[in-house]
Amino acid sequence: MAQYHIVYGQQRLMTVSIFLAAIAKRAKQLDSGSKLAGGIKGDYLVNRHGE
């Protein structure tokens, strides 16, 4: 049973990672000067709250 939870958690993490990568890619394509695109460093979304 514990192995099922580990595999399920890894699948969820991979799904979220793919989803965030797609958002980052689309934001870069739409407007490289936007606030969202400006918060993307490499493949990471940077929290720019308060700036």
N, C-alpha and C. Protein backbone atom coordinates (compact mmCIF):
# COMPACT_ATOMS: atom_id res chain seq x y z
N MET A 1 0.82 -1.19 0.00
CA MET A 1 0.00 0.00 0.00
C MET A 1 0.86 1.26 0.00
N ALA A 2 1.95 1.27 0.75
CA ALA A 2 2.81 2.46 0.81
C ALA A 2 3.44 2.74 -0.55
N GLN A 3 3.77 1.68 -1.29
CA GLN A 3 4.36 1.87 -2.61
C GLN A 3 3.37 2.58 -3.54
N TYR A 4 2.09 2.26 -3.43
CA TYR A 4 1.06 2.91 -4.25
C TYR A 4 1.04 4.42 -3.98
N HIS A 5 1.12 4.81 -2.72
CA HIS A 5 1.10 6.23 -2.37
C HIS A 5 2.31 6.96 -2.93
N ILE A 6 3.47 6.33 -2.90
CA ILE A 6 4.69 6.95 -3.44
C ILE A 6 4.56 7.15 -4.94
N VAL A 7 4.11 6.13 -5.65
CA VAL A 7 3.96 6.22 -7.11
C VAL A 7 2.91 7.28 -7.45
N TYR A 8 1.80 7.29 -6.74
CA TYR A 8 0.74 8.26 -6.99
C TYR A 8 1.25 9.68 -6.75
N GLY A 9 2.01 9.89 -5.69
CA GLY A 9 2.58 11.20 -5.40
C GLY A 9 3.56 11.64 -6.48
N GLN A 10 4.36 10.72 -6.98
CA GLN A 10 5.31 11.05 -8.04
C GLN A 10 4.58 11.42 -9.33
N GLN A 11 3.49 10.73 -9.63
CA GLN A 11 2.70 11.05 -10.83
C GLN A 11 2.08 12.44 -10.70
N ARG A 12 1.57 12.77 -9.54
CA ARG A 12 0.98 14.09 -9.32
C ARG A 12 2.03 15.18 -9.45
N LEU A 13 3.21 14.96 -8.88
CA LEU A 13 4.29 15.93 -8.97
C LEU A 13 4.72 16.14 -10.42
N MET A 14 4.82 15.07 -11.20
CA MET A 14 5.19 15.17 -12.60
C MET A 14 4.13 15.95 -13.38
N THR A 15 2.86 15.69 -13.10
CA THR A 15 1.78 16.40 -13.78
C THR A 15 1.85 17.90 -13.50
N VAL A 16 2.08 18.26 -12.25
CA VAL A 16 2.18 19.68 -11.88
C VAL A 16 3.40 20.31 -12.54
N SER A 17 4.52 19.60 -12.58
CA SER A 17 5.74 20.12 -13.21
C SER A 17 5.52 20.40 -14.69
N ILE A 18 4.86 19.48 -15.38
CA ILE A 18 4.58 19.65 -16.81
C ILE A 18 3.64 20.83 -17.01
N PHE A 19 2.63 20.96 -16.17
CA PHE A 19 1.67 22.06 -16.27
C PHE A 19 2.36 23.41 -16.07
N LEU A 20 3.22 23.52 -15.05
CA LEU A 20 3.93 24.78 -14.80
C LEU A 20 4.91 25.11 -15.92
N ALA A 21 5.56 24.10 -16.49
CA ALA A 21 6.47 24.33 -17.61
C ALA A 21 5.70 24.86 -18.82
N ALA A 22 4.50 24.34 -19.05
CA ALA A 22 3.68 24.81 -20.17
C ALA A 22 3.25 26.26 -19.95
N ILE A 23 2.89 26.62 -18.72
CA ILE A 23 2.52 28.01 -18.41
C ILE A 23 3.71 28.93 -18.64
N ALA A 24 4.88 28.53 -18.18
CA ALA A 24 6.08 29.35 -18.35
C ALA A 24 6.41 29.55 -19.82
N LYS A 25 6.31 28.48 -20.60
CA LYS A 25 6.61 28.57 -22.03
C LYS A 25 5.64 29.50 -22.73
N ARG A 26 4.36 29.38 -22.41
CA ARG A 26 3.34 30.22 -23.05
C ARG A 26 3.50 31.69 -22.65
N ALA A 27 3.83 31.94 -21.41
CA ALA A 27 4.02 33.32 -20.95
C ALA A 27 5.19 33.97 -21.69
N LYS A 28 6.26 33.21 -21.90
CA LYS A 28 7.41 33.74 -22.64
C LYS A 28 7.03 34.04 -24.09
N GLN A 29 6.20 33.19 -24.69
CA GLN A 29 5.79 33.38 -26.08
C GLN A 29 4.88 34.60 -26.23
N LEU A 30 3.99 34.81 -25.29
CA LEU A 30 2.99 35.88 -25.41
C LEU A 30 3.60 37.26 -25.27
N ASP A 31 4.38 37.47 -24.22
CA ASP A 31 4.90 38.80 -23.96
C ASP A 31 6.13 38.71 -23.08
N SER A 32 7.28 38.88 -23.67
CA SER A 32 8.52 38.74 -22.90
C SER A 32 8.70 39.88 -21.91
N GLY A 33 7.93 40.97 -22.05
CA GLY A 33 8.05 42.09 -21.12
C GLY A 33 7.00 42.09 -20.02
N SER A 34 6.13 41.09 -20.01
CA SER A 34 5.07 41.06 -19.00
C SER A 34 5.64 40.74 -17.63
N LYS A 35 4.84 41.02 -16.61
CA LYS A 35 5.27 40.76 -15.24
C LYS A 35 5.48 39.26 -15.01
N LEU A 36 4.58 38.43 -15.57
CA LEU A 36 4.72 36.98 -15.39
C LEU A 36 5.98 36.49 -16.09
N ALA A 37 6.19 36.89 -17.33
CA ALA A 37 7.37 36.45 -18.07
C ALA A 37 8.63 36.97 -17.39
N GLY A 38 8.57 38.16 -16.80
CA GLY A 38 9.73 38.71 -16.10
C GLY A 38 10.07 37.93 -14.85
N GLY A 39 9.08 37.20 -14.30
CA GLY A 39 9.31 36.40 -13.11
C GLY A 39 9.79 35.00 -13.40
N ILE A 40 9.99 34.68 -14.66
CA ILE A 40 10.44 33.34 -15.04
C ILE A 40 11.95 33.37 -15.22
N LYS A 41 12.65 32.59 -14.45
CA LYS A 41 14.10 32.49 -14.54
C LYS A 41 14.45 31.07 -14.95
N GLY A 42 14.93 30.88 -16.14
CA GLY A 42 15.20 29.53 -16.63
C GLY A 42 13.90 28.77 -16.74
N ASP A 43 13.78 27.67 -16.02
CA ASP A 43 12.56 26.87 -16.02
C ASP A 43 11.76 27.05 -14.74
N TYR A 44 12.08 28.07 -13.95
CA TYR A 44 11.43 28.26 -12.66
C TYR A 44 10.55 29.49 -12.67
N LEU A 45 9.40 29.39 -12.01
CA LEU A 45 8.55 30.55 -11.79
C LEU A 45 8.99 31.17 -10.46
N VAL A 46 9.34 32.43 -10.49
CA VAL A 46 9.85 33.10 -9.30
C VAL A 46 8.72 33.89 -8.67
N ASN A 47 8.58 33.77 -7.36
CA ASN A 47 7.55 34.52 -6.65
C ASN A 47 7.96 35.98 -6.58
N ARG A 48 7.22 36.84 -7.28
CA ARG A 48 7.54 38.27 -7.31
C ARG A 48 6.49 39.07 -6.55
N HIS A 49 5.79 38.45 -5.62
CA HIS A 49 4.75 39.13 -4.86
C HIS A 49 5.37 40.27 -4.05
N GLY A 50 4.77 41.44 -4.15
CA GLY A 50 5.25 42.57 -3.37
C GLY A 50 6.24 43.45 -4.10
N GLU A 51 6.62 43.12 -5.31
CA GLU A 51 7.59 43.94 -6.05
C GLU A 51 6.87 44.94 -6.90
